[in-house]
Amino acid sequence: MSAAAHYLQALAIVALLAGVVLGVRRLGGASAQARENIGGCGNCGGCERNAPTPPAEDS
């Protein structure tokens, strides 16, 4: 194989891997799994925004 053919083959492999990664992120598989790993339900990720704030402590 020539150098150009090796370059094109490597470029095709990188493009394929990037497509797989972007496809998984778009479907929400990676982000939902990450939220479940840190204790969230994995549904929307907005629970922290809607939670009441703890009272401030006086020092």
C-alpha atoms as a PDB file:
ATOM      1  CA  MET A   1       0.000   0.000   0.000  1.00  0.00           C
ATOM      2  CA  SER A   2       1.205   3.471  -0.749  1.00  0.00           C
ATOM      3  CA  ALA A   3       1.476   6.217   1.837  1.00  0.00           C
ATOM      4  CA  ALA A   4      -1.588   7.946   0.420  1.00  0.00           C
ATOM      5  CA  ALA A   5      -3.647   4.771   0.764  1.00  0.00           C
ATOM      6  CA  HIS A   6      -2.557   4.371   4.393  1.00  0.00           C
ATOM      7  CA  TYR A   7      -3.487   7.993   5.067  1.00  0.00           C
ATOM      8  CA  LEU A   8      -6.934   7.581   3.504  1.00  0.00           C
ATOM      9  CA  GLN A   9      -7.528   4.348   5.409  1.00  0.00           C
ATOM     10  CA  ALA A  10      -6.605   6.013   8.720  1.00  0.00           C
ATOM     11  CA  LEU A  11      -8.819   8.983   7.870  1.00  0.00           C
ATOM     12  CA  ALA A  12     -11.748   6.661   7.144  1.00  0.00           C
ATOM     13  CA  ILE A  13     -11.255   4.836  10.465  1.00  0.00           C
ATOM     14  CA  VAL A  14     -11.146   8.117  12.414  1.00  0.00           C
ATOM     15  CA  ALA A  15     -14.286   9.350  10.650  1.00  0.00           C
ATOM     16  CA  LEU A  16     -16.069   6.090  11.449  1.00  0.00           C
ATOM     17  CA  LEU A  17     -15.110   6.260  15.137  1.00  0.00           C
ATOM     18  CA  ALA A  18     -16.170   9.908  15.338  1.00  0.00           C
ATOM     19  CA  GLY A  19     -19.529   8.997  13.808  1.00  0.00           C
ATOM     20  CA  VAL A  20     -20.063   6.240  16.346  1.00  0.00           C
ATOM     21  CA  VAL A  21     -19.190   8.535  19.258  1.00  0.00           C
ATOM     22  CA  LEU A  22     -21.462  11.314  18.017  1.00  0.00           C
ATOM     23  CA  GLY A  23     -24.267   8.855  17.352  1.00  0.00           C
ATOM     24  CA  VAL A  24     -24.096   7.467  20.878  1.00  0.00           C
ATOM     25  CA  ARG A  25     -24.067  10.957  22.380  1.00  0.00           C
ATOM     26  CA  ARG A  26     -27.030  12.010  20.240  1.00  0.00           C
ATOM     27  CA  LEU A  27     -29.082   9.039  21.365  1.00  0.00           C
ATOM     28  CA  GLY A  28     -28.332   9.958  24.973  1.00  0.00           C
ATOM     29  CA  GLY A  29     -26.750   6.657  25.916  1.00  0.00           C
ATOM     30  CA  ALA A  30     -23.521   8.064  27.249  1.00  0.00           C
ATOM     31  CA  SER A  31     -24.977  11.016  29.158  1.00  0.00           C
ATOM     32  CA  ALA A  32     -27.796   8.983  30.727  1.00  0.00           C
ATOM     33  CA  GLN A  33     -25.327   6.361  31.865  1.00  0.00           C
ATOM     34  CA  ALA A  34     -23.063   9.023  33.365  1.00  0.00           C
ATOM     35  CA  ARG A  35     -25.972  10.542  35.320  1.00  0.00           C
ATOM     36  CA  GLU A  36     -26.940   7.150  36.703  1.00  0.00           C
ATOM     37  CA  ASN A  37     -23.349   6.594  37.815  1.00  0.00           C
ATOM     38  CA  ILE A  38     -23.375   9.769  39.919  1.00  0.00           C
ATOM     39  CA  GLY A  39     -26.718   9.010  41.530  1.00  0.00           C
ATOM     40  CA  GLY A  40     -29.228  10.699  39.222  1.00  0.00           C
ATOM     41  CA  CYS A  41     -32.180   9.053  37.544  1.00  0.00           C
ATOM     42  CA  GLY A  42     -30.863   9.732  34.035  1.00  0.00           C
ATOM     43  CA  ASN A  43     -34.139  11.203  32.759  1.00  0.00           C
ATOM     44  CA  CYS A  44     -33.629  14.929  32.324  1.00  0.00           C
ATOM     45  CA  GLY A  45     -30.724  16.093  34.472  1.00  0.00           C
ATOM     46  CA  GLY A  46     -32.669  19.103  35.775  1.00  0.00           C
ATOM     47  CA  CYS A  47     -33.139  17.927  39.360  1.00  0.00           C
ATOM     48  CA  GLU A  48     -30.285  20.071  40.672  1.00  0.00           C
ATOM     49  CA  ARG A  49     -31.829  23.232  39.226  1.00  0.00           C
ATOM     50  CA  ASN A  50     -35.223  22.599  40.860  1.00  0.00           C
ATOM     51  CA  ALA A  51     -33.890  21.556  44.272  1.00  0.00           C
ATOM     52  CA  PRO A  52     -34.304  24.009  47.141  1.00  0.00           C
ATOM     53  CA  THR A  53     -31.160  25.764  48.250  1.00  0.00           C
ATOM     54  CA  PRO A  54     -29.842  24.895  51.705  1.00  0.00           C
ATOM     55  CA  PRO A  55     -30.077  27.654  54.329  1.00  0.00           C
ATOM     56  CA  ALA A  56     -26.984  29.778  54.780  1.00  0.00           C
ATOM     57  CA  GLU A  57     -25.085  29.253  58.011  1.00  0.00           C
ATOM     58  CA  ASP A  58     -24.205  32.228  60.165  1.00  0.00           C
ATOM     59  CA  SER A  59     -20.609  32.282  61.321  1.00  0.00           C
END
